[in-house]
N, C-alpha and C. Protein backbone atom coordinates (compact mmCIF):
# COMPACT_ATOMS: atom_id res chain seq x y z
N MET A 1 134.37 96.02 129.09
CA MET A 1 133.08 96.67 129.12
C MET A 1 132.00 95.61 129.02
N ILE A 2 130.96 95.79 129.75
CA ILE A 2 129.83 94.88 129.71
C ILE A 2 128.89 95.36 128.60
N SER A 3 128.64 94.50 127.61
CA SER A 3 127.78 94.91 126.51
C SER A 3 126.36 94.35 126.63
N ASN A 4 126.19 93.42 127.54
CA ASN A 4 124.86 92.84 127.77
C ASN A 4 124.58 92.80 129.25
N PRO A 5 123.47 93.19 129.69
CA PRO A 5 122.36 93.67 128.89
C PRO A 5 122.63 95.09 128.36
N THR A 6 121.99 95.40 127.23
CA THR A 6 122.12 96.74 126.67
C THR A 6 121.33 97.72 127.51
N THR A 7 121.55 98.98 127.28
CA THR A 7 120.78 100.01 127.98
C THR A 7 119.29 99.85 127.67
N LYS A 8 118.96 99.56 126.43
CA LYS A 8 117.56 99.33 126.07
C LYS A 8 116.99 98.15 126.85
N GLN A 9 117.72 97.08 126.94
CA GLN A 9 117.23 95.91 127.68
C GLN A 9 117.01 96.24 129.16
N LEU A 10 117.90 97.00 129.73
CA LEU A 10 117.73 97.41 131.13
C LEU A 10 116.49 98.27 131.32
N LEU A 11 116.32 99.24 130.43
CA LEU A 11 115.15 100.12 130.53
C LEU A 11 113.85 99.33 130.32
N ASP A 12 113.86 98.42 129.35
CA ASP A 12 112.68 97.59 129.12
C ASP A 12 112.35 96.76 130.36
N ALA A 13 113.37 96.20 131.00
CA ALA A 13 113.15 95.39 132.20
C ALA A 13 112.57 96.23 133.34
N VAL A 14 113.07 97.44 133.49
CA VAL A 14 112.54 98.34 134.52
C VAL A 14 111.07 98.64 134.24
N CYS A 15 110.74 98.90 132.97
CA CYS A 15 109.34 99.19 132.62
C CYS A 15 108.43 98.02 132.95
N ILE A 16 108.89 96.82 132.65
CA ILE A 16 108.09 95.62 132.94
C ILE A 16 107.87 95.49 134.44
N GLU A 17 108.91 95.65 135.22
CA GLU A 17 108.79 95.55 136.67
C GLU A 17 107.85 96.61 137.23
N LEU A 18 107.97 97.83 136.74
CA LEU A 18 107.10 98.91 137.22
C LEU A 18 105.64 98.64 136.85
N ALA A 19 105.43 98.20 135.61
CA ALA A 19 104.05 97.96 135.15
C ALA A 19 103.43 96.73 135.81
N ASP A 20 104.22 95.68 135.98
CA ASP A 20 103.66 94.42 136.48
C ASP A 20 103.62 94.33 138.00
N LYS A 21 104.55 94.97 138.66
CA LYS A 21 104.63 94.79 140.12
C LYS A 21 104.30 96.04 140.92
N VAL A 22 104.74 97.19 140.44
CA VAL A 22 104.51 98.42 141.21
C VAL A 22 103.13 99.00 140.90
N ALA A 23 102.78 99.10 139.63
CA ALA A 23 101.51 99.72 139.25
C ALA A 23 100.29 99.08 139.92
N PRO A 24 100.19 97.74 139.98
CA PRO A 24 99.01 97.15 140.62
C PRO A 24 98.90 97.47 142.12
N ALA A 25 99.99 97.82 142.75
CA ALA A 25 99.97 98.10 144.19
C ALA A 25 99.61 99.55 144.51
N ILE A 26 99.46 100.36 143.47
CA ILE A 26 99.17 101.78 143.69
C ILE A 26 97.66 102.00 143.64
N ASN A 27 97.14 102.62 144.68
CA ASN A 27 95.71 102.90 144.77
C ASN A 27 95.37 104.35 144.47
N ASP A 28 96.35 105.22 144.57
CA ASP A 28 96.12 106.65 144.35
C ASP A 28 96.12 106.92 142.84
N PRO A 29 95.02 107.41 142.27
CA PRO A 29 94.96 107.64 140.82
C PRO A 29 96.01 108.63 140.32
N THR A 30 96.32 109.63 141.11
CA THR A 30 97.33 110.61 140.70
C THR A 30 98.70 109.95 140.60
N VAL A 31 99.03 109.15 141.57
CA VAL A 31 100.32 108.45 141.56
C VAL A 31 100.35 107.43 140.41
N SER A 32 99.22 106.80 140.13
CA SER A 32 99.15 105.86 139.01
C SER A 32 99.45 106.55 137.68
N VAL A 33 98.89 107.73 137.50
CA VAL A 33 99.16 108.50 136.28
C VAL A 33 100.63 108.90 136.21
N GLN A 34 101.18 109.33 137.33
CA GLN A 34 102.59 109.71 137.36
C GLN A 34 103.48 108.52 137.02
N LEU A 35 103.16 107.36 137.53
CA LEU A 35 103.92 106.15 137.21
C LEU A 35 103.78 105.81 135.72
N ALA A 36 102.58 105.90 135.20
CA ALA A 36 102.36 105.62 133.78
C ALA A 36 103.16 106.58 132.91
N MET A 37 103.22 107.84 133.30
CA MET A 37 104.02 108.81 132.54
C MET A 37 105.50 108.46 132.62
N ALA A 38 105.97 108.07 133.79
CA ALA A 38 107.38 107.69 133.94
C ALA A 38 107.70 106.47 133.09
N ILE A 39 106.81 105.50 133.07
CA ILE A 39 107.02 104.31 132.24
C ILE A 39 107.06 104.70 130.77
N SER A 40 106.18 105.58 130.35
CA SER A 40 106.16 106.04 128.97
C SER A 40 107.48 106.71 128.58
N VAL A 41 107.99 107.56 129.46
CA VAL A 41 109.28 108.22 129.20
C VAL A 41 110.40 107.19 129.10
N LEU A 42 110.40 106.22 129.99
CA LEU A 42 111.42 105.17 129.95
C LEU A 42 111.33 104.36 128.66
N GLN A 43 110.12 104.07 128.20
CA GLN A 43 109.96 103.30 126.98
C GLN A 43 110.48 104.05 125.76
N THR A 44 110.17 105.34 125.68
CA THR A 44 110.68 106.11 124.54
C THR A 44 112.18 106.30 124.64
N THR A 45 112.69 106.42 125.85
CA THR A 45 114.14 106.52 126.04
C THR A 45 114.82 105.24 125.60
N ALA A 46 114.22 104.10 125.85
CA ALA A 46 114.79 102.82 125.43
C ALA A 46 114.90 102.75 123.91
N VAL A 47 113.86 103.17 123.21
CA VAL A 47 113.90 103.18 121.74
C VAL A 47 114.97 104.13 121.26
N ARG A 48 115.01 105.29 121.85
CA ARG A 48 115.96 106.30 121.42
C ARG A 48 117.41 105.86 121.65
N CYS A 49 117.70 105.32 122.83
CA CYS A 49 119.09 104.96 123.12
C CYS A 49 119.56 103.80 122.25
N ALA A 50 118.64 102.97 121.80
CA ALA A 50 119.01 101.83 120.96
C ALA A 50 119.30 102.24 119.52
N ASN A 51 118.80 103.40 119.11
CA ASN A 51 118.87 103.77 117.69
C ASN A 51 119.44 105.14 117.38
N GLU A 52 119.57 105.98 118.37
CA GLU A 52 119.85 107.40 118.14
C GLU A 52 121.10 107.67 117.30
N LEU A 53 122.20 107.07 117.64
CA LEU A 53 123.43 107.33 116.91
C LEU A 53 123.32 106.85 115.46
N ALA A 54 122.72 105.70 115.24
CA ALA A 54 122.57 105.20 113.88
C ALA A 54 121.66 106.11 113.07
N TRP A 55 120.55 106.52 113.66
CA TRP A 55 119.64 107.41 112.94
C TRP A 55 120.31 108.71 112.57
N MET A 56 121.05 109.30 113.51
CA MET A 56 121.73 110.55 113.20
C MET A 56 122.72 110.36 112.07
N GLN A 57 123.49 109.27 112.10
CA GLN A 57 124.47 109.02 111.05
C GLN A 57 123.80 108.81 109.70
N GLU A 58 122.73 108.01 109.68
CA GLU A 58 122.00 107.78 108.43
C GLU A 58 121.46 109.08 107.86
N GLU A 59 120.89 109.91 108.70
CA GLU A 59 120.36 111.19 108.23
C GLU A 59 121.49 112.09 107.74
N ARG A 60 122.57 112.16 108.49
CA ARG A 60 123.70 113.01 108.07
C ARG A 60 124.23 112.58 106.71
N ASP A 61 124.40 111.27 106.52
CA ASP A 61 124.91 110.77 105.24
C ASP A 61 123.96 111.12 104.10
N ALA A 62 122.66 110.93 104.32
CA ALA A 62 121.67 111.23 103.29
C ALA A 62 121.64 112.73 102.97
N ILE A 63 121.73 113.55 104.00
CA ILE A 63 121.74 115.01 103.80
C ILE A 63 122.97 115.42 103.01
N GLU A 64 124.12 114.91 103.39
CA GLU A 64 125.36 115.27 102.70
C GLU A 64 125.30 114.85 101.22
N ALA A 65 124.82 113.66 100.95
CA ALA A 65 124.74 113.17 99.57
C ALA A 65 123.76 114.01 98.75
N THR A 66 122.60 114.28 99.31
CA THR A 66 121.59 115.06 98.60
C THR A 66 122.07 116.49 98.37
N ALA A 67 122.71 117.07 99.37
CA ALA A 67 123.24 118.43 99.21
C ALA A 67 124.26 118.48 98.08
N GLY A 68 125.12 117.48 98.00
CA GLY A 68 126.10 117.42 96.91
C GLY A 68 125.42 117.34 95.55
N GLU A 69 124.38 116.53 95.46
CA GLU A 69 123.64 116.40 94.20
C GLU A 69 122.96 117.72 93.84
N LEU A 70 122.38 118.39 94.82
CA LEU A 70 121.73 119.67 94.56
C LEU A 70 122.74 120.72 94.11
N LEU A 71 123.89 120.74 94.76
CA LEU A 71 124.90 121.71 94.37
C LEU A 71 125.39 121.50 92.94
N ALA A 72 125.44 120.24 92.52
CA ALA A 72 125.86 119.94 91.15
C ALA A 72 124.81 120.39 90.13
N ALA A 73 123.55 120.47 90.57
CA ALA A 73 122.46 120.77 89.66
C ALA A 73 121.97 122.21 89.73
N ILE A 74 122.22 122.88 90.84
CA ILE A 74 121.70 124.24 91.02
C ILE A 74 122.88 125.21 91.00
N ALA A 75 122.83 126.15 90.06
CA ALA A 75 123.97 127.05 89.87
C ALA A 75 124.13 128.05 91.01
N ASP A 76 123.04 128.59 91.51
CA ASP A 76 123.13 129.67 92.49
C ASP A 76 122.61 129.21 93.85
N ALA A 77 123.44 128.45 94.56
CA ALA A 77 123.04 127.94 95.87
C ALA A 77 124.17 128.17 96.87
N ASP A 78 124.56 129.43 97.00
CA ASP A 78 125.70 129.78 97.86
C ASP A 78 125.46 129.41 99.33
N GLY A 79 124.25 129.62 99.82
CA GLY A 79 123.95 129.28 101.21
C GLY A 79 124.13 127.79 101.46
N LEU A 80 123.68 126.98 100.53
CA LEU A 80 123.84 125.53 100.64
C LEU A 80 125.32 125.15 100.55
N ALA A 81 126.03 125.78 99.64
CA ALA A 81 127.46 125.48 99.49
C ALA A 81 128.22 125.82 100.77
N ASN A 82 127.90 126.95 101.37
CA ASN A 82 128.58 127.35 102.60
C ASN A 82 128.23 126.42 103.76
N ALA A 83 126.97 126.05 103.87
CA ALA A 83 126.54 125.16 104.95
C ALA A 83 127.17 123.78 104.79
N LEU A 84 127.21 123.28 103.57
CA LEU A 84 127.81 121.96 103.33
C LEU A 84 129.30 122.00 103.62
N SER A 85 129.97 123.06 103.23
CA SER A 85 131.40 123.20 103.50
C SER A 85 131.66 123.23 105.01
N ALA A 86 130.86 123.99 105.75
CA ALA A 86 131.01 124.05 107.21
C ALA A 86 130.77 122.68 107.83
N TYR A 87 129.79 121.96 107.31
CA TYR A 87 129.49 120.63 107.84
C TYR A 87 130.67 119.69 107.59
N VAL A 88 131.14 119.64 106.37
CA VAL A 88 132.23 118.72 106.01
C VAL A 88 133.50 119.07 106.79
N ASP A 89 133.80 120.36 106.89
CA ASP A 89 135.00 120.79 107.62
C ASP A 89 134.93 120.48 109.11
N GLY A 90 133.72 120.52 109.69
CA GLY A 90 133.57 120.30 111.12
C GLY A 90 133.19 118.88 111.51
N LYS A 91 132.93 118.05 110.53
CA LYS A 91 132.42 116.70 110.79
C LYS A 91 133.43 115.88 111.56
N THR A 92 132.95 115.21 112.62
CA THR A 92 133.84 114.40 113.45
C THR A 92 133.63 112.90 113.24
N ASP A 93 132.42 112.50 112.82
CA ASP A 93 132.05 111.08 112.72
C ASP A 93 132.24 110.36 114.05
N SER A 94 132.16 111.11 115.13
CA SER A 94 132.36 110.54 116.46
C SER A 94 131.15 109.72 116.89
N LEU A 95 131.40 108.73 117.72
CA LEU A 95 130.33 107.95 118.33
C LEU A 95 129.99 108.45 119.73
N TYR A 96 130.69 109.47 120.19
CA TYR A 96 130.34 110.11 121.46
C TYR A 96 129.15 111.03 121.21
N LEU A 97 128.13 110.90 122.04
CA LEU A 97 126.85 111.52 121.77
C LEU A 97 126.94 113.04 121.58
N ASP A 98 127.66 113.74 122.43
CA ASP A 98 127.73 115.20 122.30
C ASP A 98 128.32 115.61 120.95
N GLU A 99 129.37 114.93 120.52
CA GLU A 99 129.99 115.24 119.24
C GLU A 99 129.10 114.82 118.08
N ALA A 100 128.45 113.67 118.20
CA ALA A 100 127.53 113.22 117.15
C ALA A 100 126.36 114.19 117.02
N GLN A 101 125.88 114.71 118.14
CA GLN A 101 124.79 115.69 118.09
C GLN A 101 125.26 116.99 117.44
N ALA A 102 126.50 117.39 117.67
CA ALA A 102 127.03 118.59 117.03
C ALA A 102 127.12 118.38 115.51
N ASP A 103 127.58 117.21 115.09
CA ASP A 103 127.59 116.89 113.65
C ASP A 103 126.17 116.96 113.10
N TYR A 104 125.23 116.40 113.84
CA TYR A 104 123.83 116.37 113.42
C TYR A 104 123.26 117.79 113.30
N ALA A 105 123.61 118.65 114.23
CA ALA A 105 123.14 120.04 114.18
C ALA A 105 123.68 120.73 112.93
N ARG A 106 124.95 120.50 112.61
CA ARG A 106 125.51 121.10 111.38
C ARG A 106 124.83 120.52 110.15
N ALA A 107 124.55 119.22 110.15
CA ALA A 107 123.84 118.61 109.03
C ALA A 107 122.42 119.17 108.91
N SER A 108 121.81 119.49 110.04
CA SER A 108 120.47 120.06 110.03
C SER A 108 120.47 121.43 109.36
N GLU A 109 121.54 122.17 109.55
CA GLU A 109 121.67 123.46 108.86
C GLU A 109 121.80 123.23 107.35
N VAL A 110 122.54 122.20 106.96
CA VAL A 110 122.65 121.85 105.54
C VAL A 110 121.27 121.49 105.00
N LEU A 111 120.51 120.71 105.76
CA LEU A 111 119.15 120.34 105.33
C LEU A 111 118.30 121.58 105.13
N SER A 112 118.35 122.51 106.06
CA SER A 112 117.58 123.74 105.94
C SER A 112 117.95 124.50 104.66
N CYS A 113 119.23 124.62 104.41
CA CYS A 113 119.69 125.33 103.21
C CYS A 113 119.34 124.55 101.94
N ALA A 114 119.38 123.23 102.01
CA ALA A 114 119.00 122.39 100.86
C ALA A 114 117.52 122.58 100.53
N ILE A 115 116.70 122.65 101.56
CA ILE A 115 115.27 122.87 101.33
C ILE A 115 115.04 124.22 100.65
N GLU A 116 115.71 125.24 101.17
CA GLU A 116 115.59 126.57 100.57
C GLU A 116 116.03 126.56 99.12
N ALA A 117 117.18 125.93 98.84
CA ALA A 117 117.71 125.89 97.47
C ALA A 117 116.79 125.10 96.55
N ALA A 118 116.27 123.98 97.03
CA ALA A 118 115.39 123.16 96.20
C ALA A 118 114.13 123.92 95.82
N TYR A 119 113.51 124.56 96.80
CA TYR A 119 112.28 125.30 96.51
C TYR A 119 112.57 126.53 95.66
N ALA A 120 113.70 127.17 95.88
CA ALA A 120 114.06 128.33 95.06
C ALA A 120 114.28 127.93 93.61
N SER A 121 114.78 126.72 93.39
CA SER A 121 115.01 126.25 92.02
C SER A 121 113.70 125.97 91.30
N GLY A 122 112.65 125.64 92.06
CA GLY A 122 111.37 125.33 91.46
C GLY A 122 111.32 123.97 90.79
N ASP A 123 112.39 123.22 90.86
CA ASP A 123 112.48 121.91 90.19
C ASP A 123 111.81 120.84 91.05
N ALA A 124 110.86 120.12 90.47
CA ALA A 124 110.11 119.11 91.21
C ALA A 124 111.01 117.99 91.74
N ASP A 125 112.03 117.61 91.00
CA ASP A 125 112.94 116.55 91.45
C ASP A 125 113.76 117.01 92.65
N HIS A 126 114.19 118.26 92.64
CA HIS A 126 114.94 118.81 93.77
C HIS A 126 114.06 118.87 95.02
N ILE A 127 112.83 119.31 94.82
CA ILE A 127 111.89 119.40 95.94
C ILE A 127 111.59 118.01 96.49
N ALA A 128 111.44 117.04 95.60
CA ALA A 128 111.18 115.66 96.04
C ALA A 128 112.38 115.10 96.81
N ALA A 129 113.59 115.45 96.39
CA ALA A 129 114.80 114.96 97.07
C ALA A 129 114.86 115.45 98.50
N VAL A 130 114.58 116.73 98.72
CA VAL A 130 114.61 117.22 100.10
C VAL A 130 113.39 116.72 100.88
N GLY A 131 112.31 116.47 100.18
CA GLY A 131 111.13 115.90 100.82
C GLY A 131 111.43 114.52 101.40
N ARG A 132 112.24 113.74 100.69
CA ARG A 132 112.63 112.42 101.19
C ARG A 132 113.47 112.55 102.46
N LEU A 133 114.30 113.57 102.53
CA LEU A 133 115.10 113.79 103.74
C LEU A 133 114.21 114.15 104.93
N VAL A 134 113.23 115.00 104.68
CA VAL A 134 112.30 115.37 105.75
C VAL A 134 111.49 114.15 106.18
N ASP A 135 111.08 113.33 105.21
CA ASP A 135 110.34 112.10 105.55
C ASP A 135 111.18 111.16 106.40
N GLN A 136 112.48 111.06 106.07
CA GLN A 136 113.38 110.20 106.84
C GLN A 136 113.47 110.70 108.28
N ARG A 137 113.63 111.99 108.44
CA ARG A 137 113.71 112.57 109.79
C ARG A 137 112.40 112.35 110.54
N HIS A 138 111.30 112.57 109.88
CA HIS A 138 109.99 112.40 110.53
C HIS A 138 109.80 110.94 110.96
N ALA A 139 110.20 109.99 110.13
CA ALA A 139 110.06 108.57 110.48
C ALA A 139 110.86 108.24 111.73
N ASN A 140 112.06 108.79 111.84
CA ASN A 140 112.88 108.55 113.03
C ASN A 140 112.24 109.18 114.26
N GLN A 141 111.75 110.39 114.12
CA GLN A 141 111.10 111.04 115.26
C GLN A 141 109.84 110.30 115.67
N GLN A 142 109.11 109.79 114.68
CA GLN A 142 107.89 109.04 114.98
C GLN A 142 108.22 107.73 115.69
N ALA A 143 109.33 107.10 115.34
CA ALA A 143 109.74 105.86 116.00
C ALA A 143 110.05 106.12 117.48
N ILE A 144 110.54 107.30 117.77
CA ILE A 144 110.86 107.64 119.16
C ILE A 144 109.58 107.96 119.93
N THR A 145 108.77 108.83 119.37
CA THR A 145 107.61 109.30 120.11
C THR A 145 106.41 108.38 119.96
N GLY A 146 106.32 107.69 118.84
CA GLY A 146 105.20 106.80 118.60
C GLY A 146 103.89 107.56 118.56
N GLN A 147 102.84 106.86 118.78
CA GLN A 147 101.52 107.47 118.78
C GLN A 147 101.31 108.15 120.12
N PHE A 148 100.77 109.35 120.08
CA PHE A 148 100.52 110.09 121.31
C PHE A 148 99.43 109.39 122.10
N ILE A 149 99.71 109.15 123.35
CA ILE A 149 98.73 108.56 124.25
C ILE A 149 98.65 109.46 125.48
N ALA A 150 97.47 109.95 125.77
CA ALA A 150 97.27 110.77 126.96
C ALA A 150 97.26 109.84 128.17
N VAL A 151 98.39 109.77 128.84
CA VAL A 151 98.52 108.87 129.98
C VAL A 151 97.50 109.23 131.05
N GLY A 152 96.82 108.18 131.53
CA GLY A 152 95.85 108.38 132.60
C GLY A 152 94.47 108.78 132.12
N ARG A 153 94.33 108.89 130.78
CA ARG A 153 93.03 109.25 130.24
C ARG A 153 92.61 108.16 129.26
N THR A 154 91.42 107.69 129.41
CA THR A 154 90.93 106.65 128.50
C THR A 154 89.78 107.15 127.65
């Protein structure tokens, strides 16, 4: 298997070529905006493909650990217990994207139930724990999408 260049490196190279060589040759403003949008999609795809599996694994691990801690501290959290059990029983730890995404979806259900249990408990530490999980997810999503830029509008 060829490991270099990486998919991210290939996408970055395409973006550079499009921006440096193709974009200056375009005179039609509509086509220029379309090209800029395509470059933007390629750039976010490059970030995502370079990090997606690691981010999903990191989030899943953090969710599983926090859910376990919450279950140890909260007596009546049946929904969380059931979601965590389903996640652990179905977890594949696969590096194949479709399977990793399925693991991530099950972990997301655990996160949802953990948030409900934390807020139902009323405990500030429990709420802060799930808040850190949401912050982690938001940081990963922000790294992918970055700052919103209206392509073609200045």
